[in-house]
Protein backbone atom coordinates (compact mmCIF):
# COMPACT_ATOMS: atom_id res chain seq x y z
CA MET A 1 164.59 78.46 40.13
CA LYS A 2 162.11 75.92 42.44
CA PHE A 3 158.37 75.68 42.49
CA SER A 4 155.87 74.92 45.10
CA HIS A 5 153.01 72.58 44.67
CA PHE A 6 149.83 71.91 46.64
CA LEU A 7 148.76 68.55 46.24
CA PRO A 8 145.11 67.86 46.60
CA GLY A 9 144.19 66.47 50.18
CA PHE A 10 142.96 62.97 48.86
CA MET A 11 146.29 62.34 47.26
CA ALA A 12 148.06 60.79 50.35
CA VAL A 13 145.04 58.67 50.96
CA LEU A 14 145.37 57.42 47.27
CA ILE A 15 149.10 56.38 47.87
CA ILE A 16 148.50 54.81 51.01
CA GLY A 17 145.50 52.98 49.64
CA THR A 18 147.02 51.86 46.94
CA ALA A 19 150.74 50.84 48.59
CA SER A 20 149.70 47.06 48.72
CA ILE A 21 150.24 47.05 44.69
CA LEU A 22 153.41 49.40 44.38
CA THR A 23 155.76 46.90 45.94
CA ALA A 24 158.58 45.53 43.01
CA GLN A 25 155.95 47.22 39.81
CA ASN A 26 157.46 45.93 37.03
CA CYS A 27 158.84 48.23 34.14
CA VAL A 28 158.25 46.59 30.41
CA THR A 29 160.34 48.30 28.63
CA THR A 30 162.26 47.02 25.69
CA GLY A 31 164.62 48.23 23.45
CA LEU A 32 167.25 48.49 26.23
CA THR A 33 169.90 48.13 23.62
CA ASP A 34 168.85 51.54 21.93
CA ILE A 35 168.72 52.81 25.29
CA GLU A 36 172.24 52.00 26.06
CA ASN A 37 173.43 53.11 22.60
CA ARG A 38 171.83 56.52 23.20
CA LEU A 39 173.07 56.89 26.75
CA ALA A 40 176.87 56.11 25.54
CA GLN A 41 176.60 58.96 23.12
CA ASN A 42 175.46 61.69 25.37
CA GLN A 43 178.25 60.64 28.04
CA ALA A 44 180.60 62.29 25.27
CA LEU A 45 178.46 65.61 25.96
CA TYR A 46 178.35 65.61 29.66
CA SER A 47 179.53 68.84 31.27
CA PRO A 48 178.15 69.59 34.61
CA GLN A 49 177.61 73.31 35.01
CA ALA A 50 177.67 75.01 38.40
CA GLY A 51 174.92 77.22 39.94
CA ILE A 52 171.36 77.53 38.88
CA ARG A 53 170.48 76.54 35.12
CA SER A 54 167.40 78.21 33.29
CA VAL A 55 164.33 75.91 33.00
CA GLN A 56 163.58 73.73 30.31
CA TYR A 57 159.84 73.24 29.91
CA VAL A 58 158.87 70.10 28.35
CA PRO A 59 155.41 69.45 26.49
CA ILE A 60 153.35 66.25 27.44
CA ALA A 61 150.59 65.22 25.25
CA LEU A 62 148.39 63.12 28.03
CA HIS A 63 146.15 60.32 26.45
CA ALA A 64 143.17 58.58 28.26
CA VAL A 65 142.77 55.23 27.17
CA ARG A 66 139.18 53.77 27.42
CA ASN A 67 137.57 50.79 26.26
CA THR A 68 135.39 51.05 23.05
CA GLU A 69 132.08 52.05 24.70
CA GLY A 70 133.88 54.87 26.81
CA THR A 71 134.32 53.28 30.10
CA ASP A 72 137.07 51.53 32.16
CA GLY A 73 139.40 54.94 31.64
CA ILE A 74 141.79 56.99 33.99
CA SER A 75 139.86 59.89 35.57
CA GLU A 76 141.09 63.31 33.95
CA ALA A 77 141.39 64.51 37.90
CA GLN A 78 144.14 61.62 38.31
CA LEU A 79 145.83 62.44 35.13
CA LEU A 80 146.38 66.26 36.78
CA ASP A 81 147.90 64.50 39.59
CA MET A 82 149.93 62.20 37.59
CA MET A 83 151.56 65.67 36.41
CA CYS A 84 151.77 66.87 39.58
CA ILE A 85 153.89 64.33 40.93
CA LEU A 86 156.46 64.07 37.67
CA ASN A 87 157.00 67.89 37.89
CA ASP A 88 157.71 67.31 41.87
CA LYS A 89 160.21 64.57 40.94
CA TYR A 90 161.99 66.91 38.23
CA GLN A 91 161.34 70.32 39.48
CA ASP A 92 165.48 69.94 41.46
CA GLN A 93 166.60 69.44 37.79
CA GLU A 94 165.35 72.76 36.45
CA ILE A 95 163.33 70.62 34.32
CA GLN A 96 159.25 70.96 34.51
CA PHE A 97 156.44 69.46 32.16
CA TYR A 98 153.50 71.16 30.69
CA LEU A 99 150.27 69.94 29.12
CA THR A 100 149.50 70.19 25.30
CA ASN A 101 146.66 72.10 24.20
CA PRO A 102 143.84 70.33 24.42
CA PRO A 103 145.43 69.07 27.31
CA ILE A 104 143.69 65.44 27.31
CA HIS A 105 143.51 63.23 24.19
CA TYR A 106 141.10 60.19 24.03
CA ILE A 107 141.43 56.96 22.65
CA ASN A 108 138.04 54.56 23.17
CA ASN A 109 139.46 51.03 22.09
CA THR A 110 139.22 48.16 24.31
CA GLY A 111 142.26 46.45 22.60
CA ILE A 112 144.47 49.29 23.56
CA ASN A 113 143.35 49.79 26.82
CA ASN A 114 144.19 46.04 27.96
CA VAL A 115 146.77 44.84 25.72
CA PRO A 116 148.70 47.98 24.56
CA ASN A 117 151.61 46.21 23.25
CA ASN A 118 149.53 45.08 20.42
CA PHE A 119 148.72 48.11 18.87
CA THR A 120 152.06 50.18 18.93
CA SER A 121 151.32 51.11 14.79
CA GLU A 122 148.26 52.54 16.38
CA LEU A 123 149.53 54.15 19.32
CA ARG A 124 152.82 55.62 16.93
CA ALA A 125 149.95 57.35 15.05
CA ALA A 126 147.71 58.41 17.88
CA ARG A 127 151.02 60.68 18.93
CA VAL A 128 150.53 64.65 18.98
CA PRO A 129 153.62 66.21 17.48
CA ASN A 130 155.96 68.11 19.50
CA ALA A 131 155.65 66.29 22.60
CA ILE A 132 156.33 63.63 24.70
CA ASN A 133 153.18 61.26 24.24
CA VAL A 134 152.05 58.89 27.26
CA PHE A 135 149.17 56.82 26.99
CA VAL A 136 147.44 55.47 30.44
CA THR A 137 145.79 52.20 29.96
CA ASN A 138 143.75 49.77 32.09
CA ASN A 139 146.10 47.01 31.55
CA ILE A 140 149.58 46.66 30.66
CA ASN A 141 149.89 43.74 28.38
CA ASP A 142 147.69 41.53 30.89
CA GLN A 143 150.51 41.24 33.20
CA LEU A 144 149.88 41.16 36.74
CA GLY A 145 152.17 44.00 38.30
CA ALA A 146 153.06 45.60 35.18
CA ALA A 147 153.21 49.04 35.66
CA GLY A 148 154.43 50.92 32.57
CA TYR A 149 156.94 50.94 29.34
CA TYR A 150 158.83 53.38 27.24
CA GLN A 151 158.38 52.15 23.68
CA SER A 152 161.90 52.79 21.37
CA PRO A 153 163.35 53.60 19.23
CA ALA A 154 163.60 57.26 19.94
CA GLY A 155 163.01 60.01 18.07
CA TRP A 156 160.15 61.13 15.83
CA ASP A 157 160.59 58.70 13.42
CA GLY A 158 160.87 56.14 16.10
CA ASN A 159 158.03 55.20 18.38
CA ASP A 160 159.26 56.77 21.36
CA PHE A 161 155.97 56.96 23.42
CA ILE A 162 155.46 55.69 26.88
CA VAL A 163 152.50 53.52 28.30
CA VAL A 164 151.64 53.88 32.15
CA ALA A 165 148.81 51.59 33.88
CA ARG A 166 145.92 53.49 35.56
CA ASN A 167 146.81 51.71 39.15
CA PHE A 168 150.08 53.17 39.19
CA VAL A 169 149.69 56.66 38.05
CA TYR A 170 150.02 57.75 42.08
CA ALA A 171 153.51 55.68 42.41
CA GLN A 172 156.12 57.77 42.53
CA ASN A 173 158.65 55.48 40.61
CA VAL A 174 156.67 54.64 37.69
CA PHE A 175 155.96 57.80 35.20
CA PRO A 176 159.03 59.86 36.62
CA HIS A 177 160.69 56.09 35.55
CA GLU A 178 159.84 55.99 32.46
CA ILE A 179 160.39 59.61 31.77
CA GLY A 180 163.66 58.62 32.72
CA HIS A 181 163.95 55.72 30.13
CA PHE A 182 162.75 58.58 27.54
CA PHE A 183 165.62 60.46 28.20
CA SER A 184 168.24 57.41 28.26
CA LEU A 185 168.58 56.22 31.60
CA LEU A 186 168.40 52.42 32.05
CA HIS A 187 167.30 50.44 35.20
CA PRO A 188 170.50 50.21 38.09
CA PHE A 189 170.25 46.36 37.36
CA HIS A 190 170.37 46.68 33.96
CA GLY A 191 171.15 43.06 32.59
CA TRP A 192 168.96 41.63 35.22
CA GLU A 193 165.58 42.35 33.76
CA ASN A 194 163.47 39.41 33.89
CA ASN A 195 166.15 37.37 35.85
CA PRO A 196 166.10 38.51 39.26
CA TRP A 197 169.21 37.44 41.62
CA ASN A 198 168.88 34.38 43.45
CA GLU A 199 171.71 32.16 45.15
CA SER A 200 170.73 28.89 43.51
CA THR A 201 170.76 30.23 40.11
CA TRP A 202 173.11 33.00 39.93
CA GLY A 203 175.55 32.01 42.62
CA ASN A 204 177.25 34.01 45.17
CA PRO A 205 179.52 35.99 44.34
CA VAL A 206 177.67 36.16 40.87
CA GLY A 207 179.22 35.86 37.56
CA VAL A 208 181.33 38.57 35.46
CA ASN A 209 178.11 38.97 33.04
CA ALA A 210 174.75 39.44 34.12
CA PRO A 211 172.10 37.14 33.18
CA SER A 212 171.25 39.02 30.39
CA ASP A 213 167.86 37.97 28.76
CA PRO A 214 168.16 37.34 24.88
CA ALA A 215 164.88 38.86 24.23
CA PHE A 216 166.57 42.33 25.46
CA PHE A 217 170.05 41.72 24.47
CA SER A 218 171.98 40.45 21.90
CA SER A 219 175.36 40.28 23.58
CA PRO A 220 175.96 39.94 27.64
CA VAL A 221 176.15 42.71 29.87
CA ALA A 222 178.66 42.77 32.20
CA THR A 223 177.98 42.70 36.12
CA GLU A 224 178.66 46.10 37.73
CA PHE A 225 181.12 45.93 40.57
CA GLN A 226 180.49 47.47 44.20
CA ASN A 227 183.65 49.44 43.91
CA GLY A 228 182.80 51.31 40.74
CA SER A 229 185.96 50.23 38.79
CA ASN A 230 183.53 49.33 35.67
CA CYS A 231 180.97 51.36 36.33
CA THR A 232 181.07 53.22 33.07
CA THR A 233 181.17 50.05 30.91
CA ALA A 234 178.74 47.83 33.26
CA GLY A 235 174.91 47.63 34.83
CA ASP A 236 173.54 51.07 34.04
CA ARG A 237 176.54 53.43 33.44
CA ILE A 238 176.20 55.52 35.52
CA CYS A 239 178.55 55.87 38.22
CA ASP A 240 177.07 57.33 41.00
CA THR A 241 174.47 54.53 41.23
CA PRO A 242 175.66 51.19 43.16
CA PRO A 243 174.87 47.96 41.68
CA ASP A 244 171.58 46.11 41.91
CA TYR A 245 170.65 42.90 40.80
CA LEU A 246 167.24 43.04 40.56
CA PHE A 247 166.94 42.53 44.37
CA ALA A 248 163.37 44.02 44.21
CA LEU A 249 162.03 40.95 42.70
CA ASN A 250 163.78 38.63 45.48
CA PRO A 251 161.10 36.87 47.46
CA SER A 252 162.60 37.78 50.61
CA GLN A 253 162.24 41.58 49.54
CA ASN A 254 159.82 43.78 51.41
CA GLY A 255 159.37 46.94 49.36
CA CYS A 256 161.82 49.50 50.28
CA ALA A 257 163.18 47.69 53.31
CA ASN A 258 166.99 48.07 53.32
CA TRP A 259 168.36 45.07 51.08
CA THR A 260 170.12 43.28 53.65
CA THR A 261 171.29 39.78 52.02
CA PRO A 262 174.78 39.51 51.63
CA VAL A 263 174.62 39.37 47.71
CA ARG A 264 178.84 39.40 46.52
CA ASP A 265 179.91 40.95 42.92
CA PRO A 266 182.76 38.87 40.98
CA ASN A 267 185.33 40.40 43.29
CA ASN A 268 183.75 38.98 46.18
CA THR A 269 182.13 42.53 47.35
CA VAL A 270 179.18 42.75 48.92
CA VAL A 271 176.64 44.78 47.08
CA ASP A 272 174.80 47.62 48.71
CA PRO A 273 171.68 48.88 46.46
CA GLN A 274 169.82 52.28 46.35
CA GLU A 275 166.61 51.04 47.17
CA ASN A 276 164.65 54.64 46.83
CA ASN A 277 166.27 55.25 43.38
CA ILE A 278 163.67 56.06 40.93
CA MET A 279 165.04 53.93 38.29
CA SER A 280 164.75 50.84 40.40
CA TYR A 281 161.74 48.47 41.47
CA PHE A 282 161.61 48.97 44.57
CA GLY A 283 158.30 50.16 45.96
CA ASN A 284 156.62 52.05 48.62
CA CYS A 285 159.52 54.34 49.64
CA GLY A 286 158.98 57.61 51.43
CA SER A 287 160.61 59.18 48.77
CA HIS A 288 162.27 57.96 45.51
CA GLU A 289 164.91 60.43 43.79
CA PHE A 290 167.43 60.64 40.85
CA THR A 291 170.80 60.52 41.56
CA THR A 292 172.97 63.52 40.45
CA ASP A 293 174.67 61.66 37.66
CA GLN A 294 171.39 60.34 36.46
CA LYS A 295 170.18 63.95 36.62
CA GLU A 296 173.08 65.18 34.35
CA ALA A 297 172.27 62.04 31.79
CA ILE A 298 168.73 63.41 31.74
CA ARG A 299 169.42 66.84 30.99
CA VAL A 300 171.87 66.33 28.19
CA ASP A 301 169.75 64.05 26.53
CA LEU A 302 167.19 66.71 26.56
CA MET A 303 169.64 69.50 25.81
CA ASN A 304 171.87 67.94 22.91
CA SER A 305 170.53 64.62 21.45
CA PRO A 306 168.92 65.06 18.13
CA ASP A 307 166.52 62.18 18.93
CA ARG A 308 165.21 65.07 20.91
CA ASP A 309 165.05 67.89 18.81
CA TYR A 310 161.18 67.58 18.43
CA VAL A 311 160.61 68.19 22.25
CA ARG A 312 162.81 70.96 22.87
CA ASN A 313 162.06 74.50 22.74
CA THR A 314 161.78 77.66 24.29
CA TYR A 315 158.48 77.78 25.37
CA THR A 316 157.39 79.04 28.39
CA PRO A 317 154.28 77.70 29.73
CA ASN A 318 151.67 79.67 31.95
CA MET A 319 152.98 79.59 35.29
CA THR A 320 150.05 81.62 37.09
CA ALA A 321 149.13 79.89 40.25
CA ILE A 322 145.63 79.07 41.00
CA ASN A 323 145.25 79.69 44.85
CA SER A 324 141.20 79.45 45.13
CA VAL A 325 138.57 77.00 43.72
CA PRO A 326 135.38 77.39 41.99
CA THR A 327 132.20 78.51 43.57
CA LEU A 328 129.17 76.32 42.44
CA LEU A 329 126.20 78.44 41.18
CA SER A 330 123.68 76.08 39.51
CA PRO A 331 121.37 74.01 39.97
CA PRO A 332 120.95 74.74 43.71
CA GLU A 333 122.26 72.62 46.45
CA GLY A 334 119.98 69.82 46.88
CA SER A 335 117.31 70.90 44.27
CA THR A 336 115.79 68.54 41.69
CA VAL A 337 116.55 69.72 38.11
CA ASN A 338 113.83 69.91 34.95
CA SER A 339 115.28 66.73 33.07
CA ALA A 340 117.49 63.75 33.33
CA GLU A 341 118.46 64.04 29.74
CA ALA A 342 120.53 67.27 29.83
CA ILE A 343 121.37 68.84 32.88
CA THR A 344 123.59 72.35 32.63
CA VAL A 345 125.76 72.78 35.59
CA SER A 346 127.48 76.24 36.36
CA TRP A 347 129.61 78.05 38.53
CA PHE A 348 131.59 81.27 39.31
CA PRO A 349 135.34 81.13 37.20
CA VAL A 350 138.56 81.17 38.38
CA ILE A 351 140.57 83.89 36.91
CA GLU A 352 143.57 82.29 36.74
CA ALA A 353 142.26 78.97 35.35
CA GLN A 354 143.17 78.34 31.61
CA TYR A 355 140.91 74.94 32.14
CA TYR A 356 137.99 72.96 34.20
CA VAL A 357 137.24 69.87 34.51
CA VAL A 358 133.67 68.86 35.66
CA GLU A 359 132.60 65.43 37.63
CA VAL A 360 129.23 64.06 37.94
CA ASP A 361 128.72 61.10 39.84
CA LEU A 362 126.45 58.81 41.78
CA SER A 363 129.44 58.30 44.40
CA PRO A 364 129.84 61.00 46.85
CA GLY A 365 133.61 60.08 46.44
CA PHE A 366 133.75 60.60 42.58
CA SER A 367 135.13 57.08 42.16
CA SER A 368 132.06 54.69 40.35
CA PRO A 369 132.12 53.30 37.06
CA PHE A 370 128.96 55.80 36.25
CA ARG A 371 130.96 58.70 36.73
CA LYS A 372 130.98 61.69 33.78
CA SER A 373 133.75 63.99 33.27
CA GLN A 374 134.25 66.97 30.63
CA VAL A 375 137.29 69.03 30.47
CA GLY A 376 136.48 72.57 29.10
CA ALA A 377 138.29 76.44 28.64
CA ALA A 378 138.19 78.57 31.57
CA SER A 379 135.97 80.77 29.10
CA THR A 380 133.12 78.59 29.74
CA PRO A 381 132.16 78.27 33.60
CA ASN A 382 129.41 75.76 32.71
CA ALA A 383 129.22 72.12 31.42
CA THR A 384 126.08 70.18 29.66
CA PHE A 385 125.63 66.33 30.83
CA SER A 386 123.46 64.13 29.08
CA ASP A 387 121.58 60.67 29.52
CA LEU A 388 121.26 61.11 33.10
CA GLN A 389 119.77 58.25 35.24
CA GLY A 390 115.88 59.35 36.67
CA ASN A 391 115.31 59.76 40.25
CA THR A 392 118.60 59.72 41.42
CA GLU A 393 120.54 62.08 43.36
CA TYR A 394 123.81 63.24 41.23
CA PHE A 395 127.43 65.02 43.01
CA TRP A 396 128.95 66.96 41.33
CA ARG A 397 132.40 69.14 41.35
CA VAL A 398 135.10 71.36 39.74
CA ARG A 399 138.70 71.78 39.49
CA PRO A 400 140.31 74.50 37.77
CA PHE A 401 143.67 73.93 36.06
CA THR A 402 146.35 75.45 33.59
CA GLU A 403 148.65 73.88 31.03
CA PHE A 404 151.29 73.79 33.95
CA THR A 405 149.38 74.25 37.28
CA THR A 406 147.81 71.22 37.67
CA CYS A 407 148.39 70.31 41.50
CA THR A 408 145.26 72.35 42.28
CA GLY A 409 142.18 71.38 44.39
CA TYR A 410 138.18 70.85 43.87
CA SER A 411 135.21 73.42 44.86
CA ASP A 412 133.19 72.23 47.26
CA ARG A 413 130.74 69.05 46.22
CA GLY A 414 127.34 70.17 45.15
CA SER A 415 124.25 67.51 44.56
CA PHE A 416 120.88 67.84 42.94
CA PHE A 417 118.30 65.22 41.76
CA THR A 418 116.83 63.92 38.37
CA PRO A 419 113.30 63.43 38.31
CA MET A 420 111.72 60.59 36.87
CA SER A 421 112.97 59.63 33.05
CA THR A 422 111.74 57.70 30.00
CA ALA A 423 114.63 58.40 28.31
CA VAL A 424 116.43 55.35 26.26
CA ALA A 425 119.37 55.58 28.10
CA ASP A 426 117.38 54.95 31.38
CA LEU A 427 116.43 51.42 30.35
CA SER A 428 113.04 51.67 29.31
CA GLU A 429 112.28 48.01 29.79
CA ILE A 430 111.98 48.63 33.52
CA ASP A 431 109.30 50.51 34.95
CA HIS A 432 110.31 49.91 38.75
CA TRP A 433 112.64 48.12 40.51
CA THR A 434 114.38 48.10 44.31
CA ALA A 435 116.88 46.56 45.93
CA SER A 436 116.64 45.56 49.68
CA PRO A 437 117.70 45.81 52.54
CA ASN A 438 119.92 48.49 51.95
CA PRO A 439 122.14 49.04 54.09
CA VAL A 440 122.27 45.03 54.03
CA SER A 441 125.03 43.29 56.19
CA THR A 442 127.90 41.30 54.95
CA GLY A 443 126.31 37.48 54.23
CA GLU A 444 122.92 38.69 54.02
CA GLN A 445 121.03 38.58 50.86
CA ILE A 446 120.24 41.47 48.56
CA ASN A 447 116.06 41.01 47.34
CA ILE A 448 115.62 42.47 44.12
CA SER A 449 112.61 43.25 42.90
CA VAL A 450 111.90 44.34 39.32
CA THR A 451 108.43 44.93 37.22
CA ALA A 452 109.14 44.86 33.77
CA SER A 453 107.59 46.09 30.41
CA GLU A 454 108.70 43.49 28.52
CA ASN A 455 111.15 40.16 28.33
CA PHE A 456 114.80 41.35 28.12
CA SER A 457 118.40 39.62 28.50
CA ALA A 458 119.61 41.52 31.53
CA ARG A 459 122.97 41.99 33.13
CA ILE A 460 123.02 42.42 36.93
CA GLU A 461 126.66 43.69 37.95
CA ILE A 462 127.97 44.79 41.43
CA TYR A 463 130.76 47.54 41.66
CA ASP A 464 132.98 48.34 44.83
CA ARG A 465 133.28 52.35 44.85
CA LEU A 466 136.67 52.12 43.28
CA GLY A 467 135.04 51.00 39.89
CA GLN A 468 136.15 47.60 39.85
CA ARG A 469 133.17 44.69 39.05
CA VAL A 470 132.95 42.51 42.14
CA GLN A 471 129.92 40.44 40.62
CA THR A 472 128.08 39.75 37.36
CA ILE A 473 124.77 37.50 36.62
CA ALA A 474 123.24 37.20 33.11
CA LYS A 475 119.39 36.82 33.72
CA PRO A 476 116.53 36.70 31.54
CA ILE A 477 113.87 39.35 32.97
CA PHE A 478 109.97 38.59 32.14
CA ALA A 479 107.43 40.68 31.50
CA GLY A 480 105.43 41.68 34.79
CA GLN A 481 106.67 41.51 38.72
CA GLN A 482 109.34 39.17 39.74
CA ALA A 483 112.15 38.82 42.40
CA PHE A 484 115.37 37.33 42.85
CA SER A 485 118.74 37.57 45.14
CA LEU A 486 122.17 38.51 45.18
CA SER A 487 124.93 37.05 47.55
CA THR A 488 126.92 39.52 49.81
CA GLU A 489 129.48 37.08 51.19
CA ASP A 490 132.42 38.25 49.07
CA LEU A 491 131.51 41.72 49.98
CA ILE A 492 133.27 43.68 52.69
CA SER A 493 131.55 47.25 54.29
CA GLY A 494 131.66 49.64 52.32
CA LEU A 495 129.79 51.62 49.33
CA TYR A 496 129.04 49.87 46.34
CA PHE A 497 126.60 50.07 43.24
CA ILE A 498 124.00 47.44 41.48
CA SER A 499 123.60 48.08 37.86
CA ILE A 500 120.94 45.97 35.69
CA SER A 501 121.41 46.56 32.04
CA GLY A 502 119.61 45.49 28.78
CA LYS A 503 119.21 46.60 25.34
CA THR A 504 118.23 49.88 25.73
CA GLY A 505 120.13 51.26 28.96
CA ARG A 506 121.16 51.02 32.22
CA LYS A 507 119.51 51.12 35.72
CA THR A 508 122.19 51.89 38.95
CA ARG A 509 121.58 52.24 42.68
CA ARG A 510 124.01 52.94 45.28
CA LEU A 511 124.29 50.02 47.99
CA VAL A 512 125.87 50.50 51.48
CA VAL A 513 126.99 47.12 52.79
CA GLN A 514 127.54 47.25 56.72
């Protein structure tokens, strides 16, 4: 059985836009010996079946991790796209994944969001029963380039969860890669973790044992030969994946380009790795894939391993296709709503949907750090957002989905204006402020004028359109009128947001840099 997936139109742009950070991304999975042992147990159960097998549906519990105050988290829409990529990579294995109910779970904890490996017991306790639990965080253990990891040991009585860094949700070989670890797959460069090949250190030809890091392995790991003669006891123990001595992290390697350095195995045979293998670290491949034997290992682990009893079931999720998008109803396009403190948006429902994700943002691209979002049941085609900023234009949109159908599109973008507001969340210390010129040219000063009702300690921040903070100034603001300037020397052309925050809230304005 095959499934066709509709990818939202912006996905290609996002993949291309993040290509520079998807080269040789690191999976920092530990417990590799545990995975190795499970794989060995499963290999005795291999029984390749001819023809089409019944589809196995596996539940996924997605956890959006954010800072304690609810900021710096993955968007629900990105999580849906991540599921879409996962199902695309596994559909030829007759394995598909669906979301638990509720479809998104939330954790507000700054520590977990940035250094999840320090909170293993907390993540274990947050797991949803009878599902693969996946936590999407801002960072992975404060390691630059770390994209995700699988936390062993396996089984519900173990840890058995996955963590993915939000910058890598669109990479084809990150989430599917970690799911591969969950189902007993090793890296093709097994034994070379943390020690990528270079001639001065590891020789050419290489030695009979890989330079296995004692932090990962209690005993040496045999180096895999190119001719496959030791493929069941060396490297990743999979015979149709060629040897790989972690060439992706060699300084001379450029993404998924063909590895051409003549590195020789202990038999003095030149090694030819599979660059586009999902379990490798080569990035930016046009398409990543599993081999036939890797697929069989995944299937056997899912169907036979006692550690996978809790995710194995006979449930068939809602497979209804969604071929339409909601029509926005209220507020009318471009209108001014009655209050900034609580605004209800509504739309005409899509009959096939189980859920909606609704987004409201200052940015027409829905990518600012001030985006608000909600996930709700399709039976209630409306959502209420509170504490919006006064005297501001907002944009909103709606995306339908089901527990299985996540490759869906958005409604048209709507907009509305909020009236002047005195809500506490709207920073009551400031009566009025301006930022000019706007648009501003790169290198030109931004002049900030503030009229304050009282003294307070302000934090002035500039964010780019992706929500990354690019400038921060702490400044005392005094009662009355005053002015100061901000530099744009480090800002390239594009959309930004200037934010002034104090003890009672925040005020934000869009800024265009030319």
